[in-house]
Amino acid sequence: MIEAAVLGMALLRVLSGSIEIFAAILMIKFNSVEKALVVNSSLALVGPIILILTTTIGVIGMAGNISLGKILWIFLGVSCILIGVKS
């Protein structure tokens, strides 16, 4: 039986991949560099949101198995990734 947290994480990744494919189709359909950049820029919002949601689901799924300190380290690491990508 598949754990609910794993299923939730996988479904979010499938959703993320579907959004990426849809964005690629839109870029081809618009056939314009300017519009393709707008579509690509909108994907910059999707990636971090999916990262945060999947990490949150995973940590909640593991909450009974790991200490609060380790949970904080995980979120600190995700924050560092987001700050590094943004800068």
N, C-alpha and C. Protein backbone atom coordinates (compact mmCIF):
# COMPACT_ATOMS: atom_id res chain seq x y z
N MET A 1 0.84 -1.18 0.00
CA MET A 1 0.00 0.00 0.00
C MET A 1 0.88 1.25 0.00
N ILE A 2 0.52 2.23 -0.80
CA ILE A 2 1.30 3.46 -0.92
C ILE A 2 0.92 4.41 0.21
N GLU A 3 1.95 4.99 0.83
CA GLU A 3 1.71 5.95 1.90
C GLU A 3 1.07 7.21 1.33
N ALA A 4 0.18 7.83 2.11
CA ALA A 4 -0.53 9.03 1.66
C ALA A 4 0.44 10.16 1.35
N ALA A 5 1.47 10.33 2.17
CA ALA A 5 2.43 11.40 1.95
C ALA A 5 3.18 11.20 0.64
N VAL A 6 3.58 9.98 0.37
CA VAL A 6 4.31 9.68 -0.87
C VAL A 6 3.39 9.91 -2.07
N LEU A 7 2.17 9.49 -1.98
CA LEU A 7 1.21 9.70 -3.06
C LEU A 7 0.99 11.19 -3.30
N GLY A 8 0.83 11.96 -2.23
CA GLY A 8 0.65 13.40 -2.37
C GLY A 8 1.84 14.07 -3.02
N MET A 9 3.03 13.67 -2.59
CA MET A 9 4.26 14.24 -3.18
C MET A 9 4.36 13.88 -4.66
N ALA A 10 4.07 12.65 -4.99
CA ALA A 10 4.15 12.21 -6.39
C ALA A 10 3.13 12.94 -7.26
N LEU A 11 1.92 13.11 -6.74
CA LEU A 11 0.89 13.80 -7.51
C LEU A 11 1.26 15.26 -7.75
N LEU A 12 1.86 15.90 -6.76
CA LEU A 12 2.32 17.28 -6.96
C LEU A 12 3.39 17.36 -8.04
N ARG A 13 4.28 16.38 -8.07
CA ARG A 13 5.32 16.36 -9.10
C ARG A 13 4.73 16.09 -10.49
N VAL A 14 3.71 15.24 -10.56
CA VAL A 14 3.02 15.01 -11.84
C VAL A 14 2.34 16.30 -12.30
N LEU A 15 1.70 16.99 -11.36
CA LEU A 15 1.07 18.27 -11.68
C LEU A 15 2.11 19.27 -12.19
N SER A 16 3.23 19.34 -11.50
CA SER A 16 4.31 20.25 -11.89
C SER A 16 4.81 19.93 -13.30
N GLY A 17 5.03 18.66 -13.57
CA GLY A 17 5.48 18.25 -14.90
C GLY A 17 4.46 18.57 -15.97
N SER A 18 3.19 18.39 -15.65
CA SER A 18 2.12 18.69 -16.61
C SER A 18 2.08 20.19 -16.91
N ILE A 19 2.29 21.01 -15.89
CA ILE A 19 2.32 22.46 -16.09
C ILE A 19 3.50 22.83 -16.99
N GLU A 20 4.65 22.17 -16.78
CA GLU A 20 5.83 22.44 -17.61
C GLU A 20 5.56 22.08 -19.08
N ILE A 21 4.94 20.94 -19.31
CA ILE A 21 4.63 20.51 -20.68
C ILE A 21 3.63 21.47 -21.32
N PHE A 22 2.61 21.87 -20.55
CA PHE A 22 1.62 22.81 -21.06
C PHE A 22 2.29 24.14 -21.42
N ALA A 23 3.22 24.58 -20.60
CA ALA A 23 3.94 25.83 -20.88
C ALA A 23 4.74 25.71 -22.18
N ALA A 24 5.37 24.57 -22.39
CA ALA A 24 6.12 24.36 -23.63
C ALA A 24 5.20 24.41 -24.84
N ILE A 25 4.03 23.81 -24.72
CA ILE A 25 3.05 23.84 -25.82
C ILE A 25 2.61 25.27 -26.10
N LEU A 26 2.37 26.05 -25.03
CA LEU A 26 1.98 27.45 -25.21
C LEU A 26 3.08 28.24 -25.92
N MET A 27 4.33 27.99 -25.54
CA MET A 27 5.43 28.70 -26.19
C MET A 27 5.45 28.41 -27.70
N ILE A 28 5.26 27.16 -28.05
CA ILE A 28 5.25 26.79 -29.47
C ILE A 28 4.04 27.41 -30.17
N LYS A 29 2.90 27.39 -29.51
CA LYS A 29 1.68 27.95 -30.10
C LYS A 29 1.81 29.45 -30.34
N PHE A 30 2.34 30.19 -29.35
CA PHE A 30 2.47 31.64 -29.49
C PHE A 30 3.54 32.01 -30.51
N ASN A 31 4.58 31.22 -30.62
CA ASN A 31 5.65 31.43 -31.59
C ASN A 31 6.21 32.85 -31.51
N SER A 32 6.41 33.32 -30.29
CA SER A 32 6.94 34.67 -30.07
C SER A 32 7.90 34.61 -28.89
N VAL A 33 9.07 35.18 -29.07
CA VAL A 33 10.07 35.16 -28.00
C VAL A 33 9.55 35.92 -26.78
N GLU A 34 8.89 37.05 -27.00
CA GLU A 34 8.38 37.84 -25.89
C GLU A 34 7.35 37.06 -25.08
N LYS A 35 6.42 36.43 -25.75
CA LYS A 35 5.38 35.66 -25.06
C LYS A 35 5.97 34.41 -24.40
N ALA A 36 6.96 33.82 -25.05
CA ALA A 36 7.62 32.64 -24.47
C ALA A 36 8.33 33.03 -23.17
N LEU A 37 8.93 34.21 -23.14
CA LEU A 37 9.58 34.68 -21.91
C LEU A 37 8.56 34.91 -20.80
N VAL A 38 7.39 35.41 -21.14
CA VAL A 38 6.34 35.60 -20.13
C VAL A 38 5.90 34.26 -19.57
N VAL A 39 5.68 33.29 -20.45
CA VAL A 39 5.30 31.95 -20.00
C VAL A 39 6.40 31.35 -19.14
N ASN A 40 7.64 31.48 -19.57
CA ASN A 40 8.76 30.94 -18.82
C ASN A 40 8.89 31.61 -17.45
N SER A 41 8.68 32.90 -17.40
CA SER A 41 8.76 33.62 -16.14
C SER A 41 7.68 33.16 -15.17
N SER A 42 6.51 32.85 -15.69
CA SER A 42 5.44 32.38 -14.81
C SER A 42 5.80 31.02 -14.20
N LEU A 43 6.62 30.25 -14.89
CA LEU A 43 7.06 28.96 -14.34
C LEU A 43 7.98 29.15 -13.14
N ALA A 44 8.60 30.32 -13.05
CA ALA A 44 9.48 30.60 -11.91
C ALA A 44 8.69 30.62 -10.61
N LEU A 45 7.40 30.83 -10.68
CA LEU A 45 6.56 30.79 -9.48
C LEU A 45 6.16 29.36 -9.13
N VAL A 46 5.96 28.55 -10.14
CA VAL A 46 5.47 27.19 -9.93
C VAL A 46 6.51 26.31 -9.24
N GLY A 47 7.76 26.39 -9.68
CA GLY A 47 8.81 25.53 -9.14
C GLY A 47 8.98 25.65 -7.63
N PRO A 48 9.19 26.84 -7.11
CA PRO A 48 9.35 26.98 -5.66
C PRO A 48 8.11 26.57 -4.86
N ILE A 49 6.94 26.85 -5.40
CA ILE A 49 5.71 26.47 -4.70
C ILE A 49 5.63 24.95 -4.60
N ILE A 50 5.91 24.25 -5.69
CA ILE A 50 5.88 22.78 -5.67
C ILE A 50 6.95 22.25 -4.72
N LEU A 51 8.15 22.85 -4.74
CA LEU A 51 9.22 22.43 -3.83
C LEU A 51 8.78 22.56 -2.37
N ILE A 52 8.21 23.68 -2.02
CA ILE A 52 7.77 23.91 -0.64
C ILE A 52 6.65 22.94 -0.26
N LEU A 53 5.69 22.76 -1.14
CA LEU A 53 4.57 21.86 -0.83
C LEU A 53 5.02 20.41 -0.68
N THR A 54 5.85 19.93 -1.61
CA THR A 54 6.29 18.53 -1.51
C THR A 54 7.16 18.31 -0.27
N THR A 55 8.01 19.28 0.04
CA THR A 55 8.84 19.16 1.24
C THR A 55 7.97 19.17 2.49
N THR A 56 6.97 20.03 2.52
CA THR A 56 6.07 20.11 3.67
C THR A 56 5.32 18.79 3.86
N ILE A 57 4.81 18.25 2.78
CA ILE A 57 4.09 16.97 2.87
C ILE A 57 5.03 15.87 3.38
N GLY A 58 6.25 15.84 2.85
CA GLY A 58 7.22 14.83 3.28
C GLY A 58 7.58 14.97 4.75
N VAL A 59 7.80 16.19 5.19
CA VAL A 59 8.15 16.42 6.60
C VAL A 59 6.99 16.07 7.50
N ILE A 60 5.78 16.43 7.11
CA ILE A 60 4.61 16.07 7.91
C ILE A 60 4.48 14.55 7.98
N GLY A 61 4.74 13.89 6.85
CA GLY A 61 4.68 12.42 6.83
C GLY A 61 5.72 11.77 7.72
N MET A 62 6.85 12.46 7.93
CA MET A 62 7.93 11.92 8.76
C MET A 62 7.92 12.49 10.18
N ALA A 63 7.00 13.38 10.47
CA ALA A 63 7.02 14.13 11.73
C ALA A 63 7.13 13.24 12.96
N GLY A 64 6.55 12.08 12.93
CA GLY A 64 6.63 11.19 14.08
C GLY A 64 7.97 10.50 14.21
N ASN A 65 8.75 10.50 13.14
CA ASN A 65 10.02 9.76 13.11
C ASN A 65 11.25 10.62 13.34
N ILE A 66 11.14 11.95 13.17
CA ILE A 66 12.32 12.79 13.32
C ILE A 66 12.07 13.89 14.34
N SER A 67 13.14 14.44 14.86
CA SER A 67 13.03 15.45 15.91
C SER A 67 12.67 16.80 15.32
N LEU A 68 12.19 17.67 16.18
CA LEU A 68 11.82 19.02 15.77
C LEU A 68 13.04 19.76 15.22
N GLY A 69 14.20 19.52 15.82
CA GLY A 69 15.43 20.16 15.35
C GLY A 69 15.74 19.81 13.91
N LYS A 70 15.58 18.55 13.55
CA LYS A 70 15.85 18.12 12.18
C LYS A 70 14.83 18.70 11.21
N ILE A 71 13.59 18.81 11.65
CA ILE A 71 12.56 19.42 10.81
C ILE A 71 12.94 20.88 10.51
N LEU A 72 13.41 21.59 11.54
CA LEU A 72 13.82 22.97 11.34
C LEU A 72 15.01 23.06 10.38
N TRP A 73 15.95 22.12 10.48
CA TRP A 73 17.09 22.10 9.55
C TRP A 73 16.62 21.90 8.11
N ILE A 74 15.63 21.04 7.93
CA ILE A 74 15.10 20.79 6.58
C ILE A 74 14.52 22.07 6.00
N PHE A 75 13.69 22.75 6.80
CA PHE A 75 13.08 23.99 6.30
C PHE A 75 14.12 25.09 6.11
N LEU A 76 15.14 25.11 6.93
CA LEU A 76 16.23 26.06 6.75
C LEU A 76 16.96 25.78 5.42
N GLY A 77 17.18 24.52 5.13
CA GLY A 77 17.82 24.14 3.87
C GLY A 77 16.99 24.54 2.66
N VAL A 78 15.69 24.31 2.73
CA VAL A 78 14.80 24.71 1.63
C VAL A 78 14.83 26.22 1.47
N SER A 79 14.83 26.93 2.58
CA SER A 79 14.90 28.40 2.54
C SER A 79 16.18 28.86 1.88
N CYS A 80 17.29 28.21 2.19
CA CYS A 80 18.58 28.56 1.57
C CYS A 80 18.54 28.33 0.06
N ILE A 81 17.92 27.24 -0.36
CA ILE A 81 17.79 26.97 -1.79
C ILE A 81 16.99 28.07 -2.47
N LEU A 82 15.88 28.46 -1.86
CA LEU A 82 15.03 29.50 -2.47
C LEU A 82 15.75 30.84 -2.51
N ILE A 83 16.46 31.19 -1.45
CA ILE A 83 17.21 32.44 -1.42
C ILE A 83 18.32 32.42 -2.47
N GLY A 84 19.01 31.30 -2.58
CA GLY A 84 20.09 31.18 -3.56
C GLY A 84 19.60 31.28 -4.99
N VAL A 85 18.44 30.74 -5.26
CA VAL A 85 17.89 30.79 -6.61
C VAL A 85 17.39 32.20 -6.93
N LYS A 86 16.83 32.85 -5.93
CA LYS A 86 16.27 34.19 -6.13
C LYS A 86 17.34 35.23 -6.37
N SER A 87 18.48 35.10 -5.71
CA SER A 87 19.51 36.13 -5.79
C SER A 87 20.27 36.12 -7.10
